């Protein structure tokens, strides 16, 4: 006699191209750093995912799995890294942070400009829902 009951579980086949889940999520208000009660889906949800990923450091927060977040800050904040090195690494680090999401098809067109002590990074993202233009400051 087993302690846990025996339960038949349906096995799902995810090998086909059928849509899995909606990307519906609660909207995050970046000005107040609070989750709102508004539900967003589609392109706005993907854009929110991108900005949340770019503002979450990888391997720092134990609540997130290791594939969540970015490592750009480590590269930018390292005083031994030259500006040329930072400009060459930022596109790769951002693409690695985002491309694992099935909704993101391509990350490209990086433009990185230095203004005082900051690096302004802009790039384009092709998603399953459409096109996004992203800007971030490091």
N, C-alpha and C. Protein backbone atom coordinates (compact mmCIF):
# COMPACT_ATOMS: atom_id res chain seq x y z
N UNK A 1 0.84 -1.18 0.00
CA UNK A 1 0.00 0.00 0.00
C UNK A 1 0.88 1.24 0.00
N UNK A 2 0.62 2.12 -0.92
CA UNK A 2 1.39 3.34 -1.11
C UNK A 2 0.84 4.47 -0.24
N UNK A 3 1.71 5.36 0.16
CA UNK A 3 1.28 6.53 0.94
C UNK A 3 0.53 7.52 0.05
N UNK A 4 1.04 7.74 -1.15
CA UNK A 4 0.38 8.68 -2.06
C UNK A 4 -0.54 7.92 -3.01
N UNK A 5 -1.63 8.53 -3.38
CA UNK A 5 -2.57 7.83 -4.28
C UNK A 5 -2.01 7.73 -5.69
N UNK A 6 -2.42 6.69 -6.38
CA UNK A 6 -2.03 6.55 -7.77
C UNK A 6 -3.03 7.33 -8.62
N UNK A 7 -2.50 8.24 -9.42
CA UNK A 7 -3.34 9.10 -10.24
C UNK A 7 -2.86 9.03 -11.67
N UNK A 8 -3.78 8.83 -12.60
CA UNK A 8 -3.43 8.86 -14.01
C UNK A 8 -3.28 10.31 -14.45
N UNK A 9 -2.17 10.62 -15.09
CA UNK A 9 -1.90 11.97 -15.55
C UNK A 9 -1.81 11.95 -17.07
N UNK A 10 -2.56 12.86 -17.70
CA UNK A 10 -2.48 12.98 -19.15
C UNK A 10 -1.10 13.51 -19.54
N UNK A 11 -0.51 12.92 -20.56
CA UNK A 11 0.78 13.38 -21.04
C UNK A 11 0.53 14.23 -22.27
N UNK A 12 1.09 15.43 -22.25
CA UNK A 12 0.90 16.36 -23.36
C UNK A 12 2.11 16.31 -24.27
N UNK A 13 1.87 16.36 -25.55
CA UNK A 13 2.94 16.39 -26.54
C UNK A 13 3.14 17.82 -27.00
N UNK A 14 4.28 18.41 -26.67
CA UNK A 14 4.57 19.79 -27.04
C UNK A 14 5.50 19.87 -28.25
N UNK A 15 5.62 18.79 -29.00
CA UNK A 15 6.51 18.79 -30.15
C UNK A 15 5.93 19.51 -31.36
N UNK A 16 4.64 19.76 -31.36
CA UNK A 16 4.05 20.44 -32.51
C UNK A 16 4.12 21.96 -32.30
N UNK A 17 3.63 22.72 -33.26
CA UNK A 17 3.70 24.18 -33.21
C UNK A 17 2.44 24.83 -32.66
N UNK A 18 1.64 24.09 -31.93
CA UNK A 18 0.42 24.68 -31.38
C UNK A 18 0.78 25.65 -30.26
N UNK A 19 0.04 26.74 -30.15
CA UNK A 19 0.33 27.69 -29.08
C UNK A 19 0.16 27.03 -27.71
N UNK A 20 1.07 27.33 -26.81
CA UNK A 20 1.04 26.71 -25.50
C UNK A 20 0.23 27.53 -24.51
N UNK A 21 0.72 28.63 -24.14
CA UNK A 21 0.04 29.44 -23.14
C UNK A 21 -0.02 30.88 -23.62
N UNK A 22 -0.93 31.60 -23.07
CA UNK A 22 -0.99 33.01 -23.35
C UNK A 22 0.15 33.70 -22.61
N UNK A 23 0.53 34.86 -23.08
CA UNK A 23 1.55 35.63 -22.37
C UNK A 23 0.90 36.66 -21.46
N UNK A 24 -0.38 36.47 -21.17
CA UNK A 24 -1.09 37.40 -20.30
C UNK A 24 -0.44 37.44 -18.92
N UNK A 25 -0.26 38.64 -18.43
CA UNK A 25 0.39 38.84 -17.15
C UNK A 25 -0.07 40.16 -16.55
N UNK A 26 0.23 40.38 -15.31
CA UNK A 26 -0.09 41.66 -14.69
C UNK A 26 0.92 42.70 -15.15
N UNK A 27 0.44 43.92 -15.37
CA UNK A 27 1.32 45.01 -15.78
C UNK A 27 2.16 45.46 -14.60
N UNK A 28 3.44 45.67 -14.86
CA UNK A 28 4.36 46.19 -13.85
C UNK A 28 4.56 47.67 -14.11
N UNK A 29 4.35 48.49 -13.10
CA UNK A 29 4.54 49.93 -13.22
C UNK A 29 5.99 50.24 -12.86
N UNK A 30 6.80 50.57 -13.87
CA UNK A 30 8.22 50.80 -13.66
C UNK A 30 8.49 52.09 -12.89
N UNK A 31 7.55 53.03 -12.88
CA UNK A 31 7.74 54.27 -12.14
C UNK A 31 7.59 54.05 -10.64
N UNK A 32 6.65 53.21 -10.24
CA UNK A 32 6.42 52.96 -8.82
C UNK A 32 7.03 51.64 -8.35
N UNK A 33 7.54 50.84 -9.29
CA UNK A 33 8.07 49.51 -8.99
C UNK A 33 7.03 48.63 -8.30
N UNK A 34 5.82 48.69 -8.82
CA UNK A 34 4.71 47.92 -8.26
C UNK A 34 3.98 47.17 -9.38
N UNK A 35 3.45 46.01 -9.02
CA UNK A 35 2.59 45.28 -9.94
C UNK A 35 1.19 45.87 -9.82
N UNK A 36 0.56 46.09 -10.97
CA UNK A 36 -0.79 46.64 -10.96
C UNK A 36 -1.81 45.51 -11.14
N UNK A 37 -3.09 45.84 -11.09
CA UNK A 37 -4.11 44.83 -11.31
C UNK A 37 -4.55 44.77 -12.77
N UNK A 38 -3.88 45.52 -13.63
CA UNK A 38 -4.19 45.52 -15.07
C UNK A 38 -3.52 44.31 -15.73
N UNK A 39 -4.27 43.59 -16.56
CA UNK A 39 -3.74 42.45 -17.30
C UNK A 39 -3.30 42.92 -18.69
N UNK A 40 -2.08 42.54 -19.08
CA UNK A 40 -1.60 42.84 -20.43
C UNK A 40 -1.26 41.53 -21.12
N UNK A 41 -1.26 41.57 -22.44
CA UNK A 41 -0.99 40.38 -23.24
C UNK A 41 -0.33 40.81 -24.53
N UNK A 42 0.17 39.87 -25.29
CA UNK A 42 0.73 40.16 -26.60
C UNK A 42 2.01 40.98 -26.52
N UNK A 43 2.13 41.95 -27.44
CA UNK A 43 3.34 42.75 -27.55
C UNK A 43 3.67 43.52 -26.26
N UNK A 44 2.69 44.14 -25.59
CA UNK A 44 3.03 44.82 -24.33
C UNK A 44 3.59 43.86 -23.27
N UNK A 45 3.10 42.64 -23.22
CA UNK A 45 3.62 41.66 -22.25
C UNK A 45 5.05 41.26 -22.59
N UNK A 46 5.36 41.14 -23.87
CA UNK A 46 6.72 40.80 -24.29
C UNK A 46 7.66 41.96 -23.98
N UNK A 47 7.21 43.17 -24.26
CA UNK A 47 8.03 44.35 -23.96
C UNK A 47 8.31 44.43 -22.46
N UNK A 48 7.31 44.16 -21.65
CA UNK A 48 7.51 44.17 -20.20
C UNK A 48 8.51 43.09 -19.80
N UNK A 49 8.41 41.90 -20.38
CA UNK A 49 9.37 40.83 -20.10
C UNK A 49 10.79 41.30 -20.41
N UNK A 50 10.97 41.98 -21.53
CA UNK A 50 12.30 42.44 -21.93
C UNK A 50 12.85 43.42 -20.89
N UNK A 51 12.06 44.42 -20.54
CA UNK A 51 12.56 45.41 -19.57
C UNK A 51 12.78 44.79 -18.19
N UNK A 52 11.92 43.88 -17.77
CA UNK A 52 12.15 43.22 -16.48
C UNK A 52 13.42 42.38 -16.51
N UNK A 53 13.66 41.71 -17.63
CA UNK A 53 14.87 40.90 -17.76
C UNK A 53 16.11 41.78 -17.74
N UNK A 54 16.06 42.90 -18.45
CA UNK A 54 17.22 43.80 -18.51
C UNK A 54 17.48 44.51 -17.19
N UNK A 55 16.54 44.46 -16.28
CA UNK A 55 16.71 45.11 -14.98
C UNK A 55 16.82 44.12 -13.84
N UNK A 56 16.99 42.85 -14.17
CA UNK A 56 17.16 41.81 -13.17
C UNK A 56 18.52 41.17 -13.37
N UNK A 57 19.36 41.26 -12.38
CA UNK A 57 20.69 40.67 -12.50
C UNK A 57 20.62 39.16 -12.36
N UNK A 58 21.29 38.49 -13.25
CA UNK A 58 21.31 37.03 -13.25
C UNK A 58 22.17 36.51 -12.10
N UNK A 59 21.75 35.40 -11.53
CA UNK A 59 22.45 34.69 -10.45
C UNK A 59 22.44 35.42 -9.11
N UNK A 60 21.76 36.55 -8.99
CA UNK A 60 21.75 37.32 -7.74
C UNK A 60 20.54 36.96 -6.88
N UNK A 61 19.39 36.82 -7.50
CA UNK A 61 18.15 36.61 -6.78
C UNK A 61 17.80 35.12 -6.79
N UNK A 62 17.82 34.46 -5.64
CA UNK A 62 17.57 33.01 -5.63
C UNK A 62 16.16 32.62 -6.05
N UNK A 63 15.24 33.57 -6.08
CA UNK A 63 13.87 33.26 -6.49
C UNK A 63 13.78 32.97 -7.99
N UNK A 64 14.73 33.50 -8.78
CA UNK A 64 14.71 33.33 -10.22
C UNK A 64 15.61 32.18 -10.65
N UNK A 65 15.20 31.43 -11.69
CA UNK A 65 16.10 30.41 -12.23
C UNK A 65 17.31 31.06 -12.91
N UNK A 66 18.35 30.28 -13.15
CA UNK A 66 19.60 30.82 -13.69
C UNK A 66 19.48 31.39 -15.10
N UNK A 67 18.43 31.05 -15.84
CA UNK A 67 18.30 31.60 -17.19
C UNK A 67 17.55 32.93 -17.20
N UNK A 68 17.19 33.45 -16.02
CA UNK A 68 16.46 34.71 -15.93
C UNK A 68 17.41 35.82 -15.52
N UNK A 69 17.36 36.92 -16.26
CA UNK A 69 18.17 38.09 -15.91
C UNK A 69 19.28 38.34 -16.90
N UNK A 70 20.08 39.34 -16.56
CA UNK A 70 21.15 39.77 -17.47
C UNK A 70 22.48 39.84 -16.73
N UNK A 71 23.56 39.88 -17.50
CA UNK A 71 24.91 40.01 -16.96
C UNK A 71 25.60 41.26 -17.49
N UNK A 72 24.84 42.16 -18.07
CA UNK A 72 25.40 43.38 -18.65
C UNK A 72 26.02 44.25 -17.57
N UNK A 73 25.33 44.37 -16.44
CA UNK A 73 25.86 45.22 -15.37
C UNK A 73 27.26 44.78 -14.93
N UNK A 74 27.47 43.48 -14.84
CA UNK A 74 28.80 42.99 -14.45
C UNK A 74 29.86 43.45 -15.43
N UNK A 75 29.55 43.40 -16.69
CA UNK A 75 30.49 43.82 -17.74
C UNK A 75 30.74 45.33 -17.67
N UNK A 76 29.67 46.09 -17.56
CA UNK A 76 29.77 47.56 -17.58
C UNK A 76 30.47 48.08 -16.33
N UNK A 77 30.21 47.47 -15.19
CA UNK A 77 30.75 47.98 -13.93
C UNK A 77 32.18 47.53 -13.64
N UNK A 78 32.70 46.59 -14.42
CA UNK A 78 34.07 46.12 -14.20
C UNK A 78 35.05 47.19 -14.69
N UNK A 79 35.84 47.78 -13.78
CA UNK A 79 36.75 48.86 -14.17
C UNK A 79 37.88 48.41 -15.10
N UNK A 80 38.13 47.11 -15.16
CA UNK A 80 39.19 46.60 -16.04
C UNK A 80 38.74 46.50 -17.49
N UNK A 81 37.44 46.53 -17.74
CA UNK A 81 36.93 46.42 -19.11
C UNK A 81 37.01 47.77 -19.81
N UNK A 82 37.56 47.76 -21.01
CA UNK A 82 37.64 48.99 -21.80
C UNK A 82 36.29 49.29 -22.42
N UNK A 83 36.12 50.51 -22.88
CA UNK A 83 34.87 50.89 -23.54
C UNK A 83 34.64 50.04 -24.79
N UNK A 84 35.70 49.78 -25.55
CA UNK A 84 35.57 48.95 -26.75
C UNK A 84 35.10 47.54 -26.39
N UNK A 85 35.65 46.99 -25.32
CA UNK A 85 35.24 45.66 -24.89
C UNK A 85 33.77 45.65 -24.46
N UNK A 86 33.37 46.66 -23.70
CA UNK A 86 31.98 46.75 -23.25
C UNK A 86 31.03 46.83 -24.45
N UNK A 87 31.39 47.67 -25.42
CA UNK A 87 30.53 47.82 -26.61
C UNK A 87 30.45 46.53 -27.42
N UNK A 88 31.50 45.73 -27.38
CA UNK A 88 31.47 44.47 -28.13
C UNK A 88 30.71 43.38 -27.38
N UNK A 89 30.70 43.42 -26.05
CA UNK A 89 30.06 42.38 -25.25
C UNK A 89 28.57 42.63 -24.98
N UNK A 90 28.17 43.88 -24.88
CA UNK A 90 26.79 44.20 -24.52
C UNK A 90 25.77 43.55 -25.46
N UNK A 91 25.94 43.62 -26.78
CA UNK A 91 24.95 42.96 -27.65
C UNK A 91 24.83 41.46 -27.38
N UNK A 92 25.95 40.78 -27.20
CA UNK A 92 25.91 39.35 -26.92
C UNK A 92 25.20 39.06 -25.60
N UNK A 93 25.53 39.81 -24.57
CA UNK A 93 24.94 39.59 -23.25
C UNK A 93 23.43 39.85 -23.25
N UNK A 94 23.00 40.89 -23.96
CA UNK A 94 21.57 41.18 -24.03
C UNK A 94 20.85 40.10 -24.82
N UNK A 95 21.42 39.70 -25.95
CA UNK A 95 20.78 38.65 -26.75
C UNK A 95 20.68 37.36 -25.95
N UNK A 96 21.72 36.99 -25.22
CA UNK A 96 21.67 35.78 -24.40
C UNK A 96 20.61 35.86 -23.31
N UNK A 97 20.38 37.06 -22.80
CA UNK A 97 19.38 37.23 -21.74
C UNK A 97 17.96 37.08 -22.27
N UNK A 98 17.75 37.41 -23.55
CA UNK A 98 16.40 37.47 -24.09
C UNK A 98 16.00 36.29 -24.99
N UNK A 99 16.93 35.75 -25.72
CA UNK A 99 16.60 34.85 -26.82
C UNK A 99 16.03 33.51 -26.35
N UNK A 100 16.23 33.14 -25.09
CA UNK A 100 15.69 31.86 -24.62
C UNK A 100 14.17 31.86 -24.58
N UNK A 101 13.54 33.03 -24.56
CA UNK A 101 12.08 33.11 -24.54
C UNK A 101 11.55 32.79 -25.93
N UNK A 102 10.60 31.87 -26.02
CA UNK A 102 10.06 31.42 -27.31
C UNK A 102 9.39 32.54 -28.09
N UNK A 103 8.97 33.60 -27.42
CA UNK A 103 8.28 34.70 -28.10
C UNK A 103 9.24 35.63 -28.83
N UNK A 104 10.53 35.53 -28.53
CA UNK A 104 11.52 36.41 -29.15
C UNK A 104 12.21 35.67 -30.27
N UNK A 105 12.14 36.26 -31.46
CA UNK A 105 12.72 35.62 -32.64
C UNK A 105 14.12 36.13 -32.97
N UNK A 106 14.34 37.44 -32.78
CA UNK A 106 15.64 38.01 -33.17
C UNK A 106 15.90 39.29 -32.37
N UNK A 107 17.15 39.48 -31.97
CA UNK A 107 17.60 40.69 -31.28
C UNK A 107 18.75 41.24 -32.12
N UNK A 108 18.65 42.50 -32.56
CA UNK A 108 19.63 43.01 -33.51
C UNK A 108 19.65 44.55 -33.52
N UNK A 109 20.54 45.11 -34.33
CA UNK A 109 20.58 46.56 -34.56
C UNK A 109 21.03 47.36 -33.36
N UNK A 110 22.03 46.90 -32.66
CA UNK A 110 22.48 47.59 -31.45
C UNK A 110 23.19 48.90 -31.78
N UNK A 111 22.83 49.93 -31.04
CA UNK A 111 23.53 51.21 -31.08
C UNK A 111 23.86 51.56 -29.64
N UNK A 112 25.15 51.72 -29.37
CA UNK A 112 25.61 52.00 -28.00
C UNK A 112 26.35 53.32 -28.01
N UNK A 113 25.89 54.26 -27.20
CA UNK A 113 26.54 55.56 -27.11
C UNK A 113 26.89 55.85 -25.66
N UNK A 114 28.06 56.48 -25.48
CA UNK A 114 28.51 56.84 -24.14
C UNK A 114 28.16 58.30 -23.88
N UNK A 115 27.49 58.55 -22.77
CA UNK A 115 27.15 59.90 -22.33
C UNK A 115 27.56 59.98 -20.87
N UNK A 116 28.61 60.77 -20.63
CA UNK A 116 29.20 60.89 -19.30
C UNK A 116 29.55 59.51 -18.76
N UNK A 117 28.97 59.09 -17.65
CA UNK A 117 29.31 57.80 -17.06
C UNK A 117 28.33 56.69 -17.43
N UNK A 118 27.46 56.94 -18.39
CA UNK A 118 26.43 55.96 -18.75
C UNK A 118 26.59 55.50 -20.18
N UNK A 119 26.10 54.29 -20.43
CA UNK A 119 26.03 53.76 -21.78
C UNK A 119 24.56 53.64 -22.16
N UNK A 120 24.17 54.31 -23.23
CA UNK A 120 22.81 54.24 -23.74
C UNK A 120 22.78 53.17 -24.82
N UNK A 121 21.94 52.19 -24.61
CA UNK A 121 21.87 51.05 -25.53
C UNK A 121 20.48 51.02 -26.14
N UNK A 122 20.42 51.00 -27.47
CA UNK A 122 19.15 50.81 -28.15
C UNK A 122 19.31 49.65 -29.13
N UNK A 123 18.22 48.91 -29.30
CA UNK A 123 18.26 47.76 -30.21
C UNK A 123 16.84 47.40 -30.61
N UNK A 124 16.74 46.52 -31.58
CA UNK A 124 15.46 46.08 -32.13
C UNK A 124 15.22 44.62 -31.75
N UNK A 125 13.94 44.29 -31.61
CA UNK A 125 13.56 42.92 -31.28
C UNK A 125 12.39 42.51 -32.18
N UNK A 126 12.55 41.41 -32.88
CA UNK A 126 11.45 40.79 -33.61
C UNK A 126 10.86 39.73 -32.71
N UNK A 127 9.54 39.79 -32.52
CA UNK A 127 8.85 38.83 -31.66
C UNK A 127 7.76 38.14 -32.46
N UNK A 128 7.14 37.15 -31.87
CA UNK A 128 6.03 36.46 -32.53
C UNK A 128 4.82 37.38 -32.65
N UNK A 129 4.78 38.44 -31.87
CA UNK A 129 3.67 39.39 -31.88
C UNK A 129 3.96 40.64 -32.71
N UNK A 130 5.22 40.85 -33.10
CA UNK A 130 5.57 42.04 -33.86
C UNK A 130 6.95 42.56 -33.48
N UNK A 131 7.17 43.82 -33.81
CA UNK A 131 8.48 44.46 -33.70
C UNK A 131 8.51 45.40 -32.49
N UNK A 132 9.66 45.44 -31.79
CA UNK A 132 9.85 46.35 -30.67
C UNK A 132 11.18 47.08 -30.81
N UNK A 133 11.20 48.33 -30.42
CA UNK A 133 12.41 49.12 -30.32
C UNK A 133 12.65 49.36 -28.84
N UNK A 134 13.82 48.95 -28.34
CA UNK A 134 14.11 48.98 -26.92
C UNK A 134 15.26 49.94 -26.66
N UNK A 135 15.16 50.70 -25.57
CA UNK A 135 16.23 51.58 -25.12
C UNK A 135 16.46 51.32 -23.63
N UNK A 136 17.74 51.22 -23.26
CA UNK A 136 18.10 50.99 -21.86
C UNK A 136 19.38 51.74 -21.56
N UNK A 137 19.57 52.11 -20.30
CA UNK A 137 20.74 52.86 -19.87
C UNK A 137 21.49 52.02 -18.84
N UNK A 138 22.81 51.92 -19.03
CA UNK A 138 23.65 51.19 -18.07
C UNK A 138 24.72 52.13 -17.55
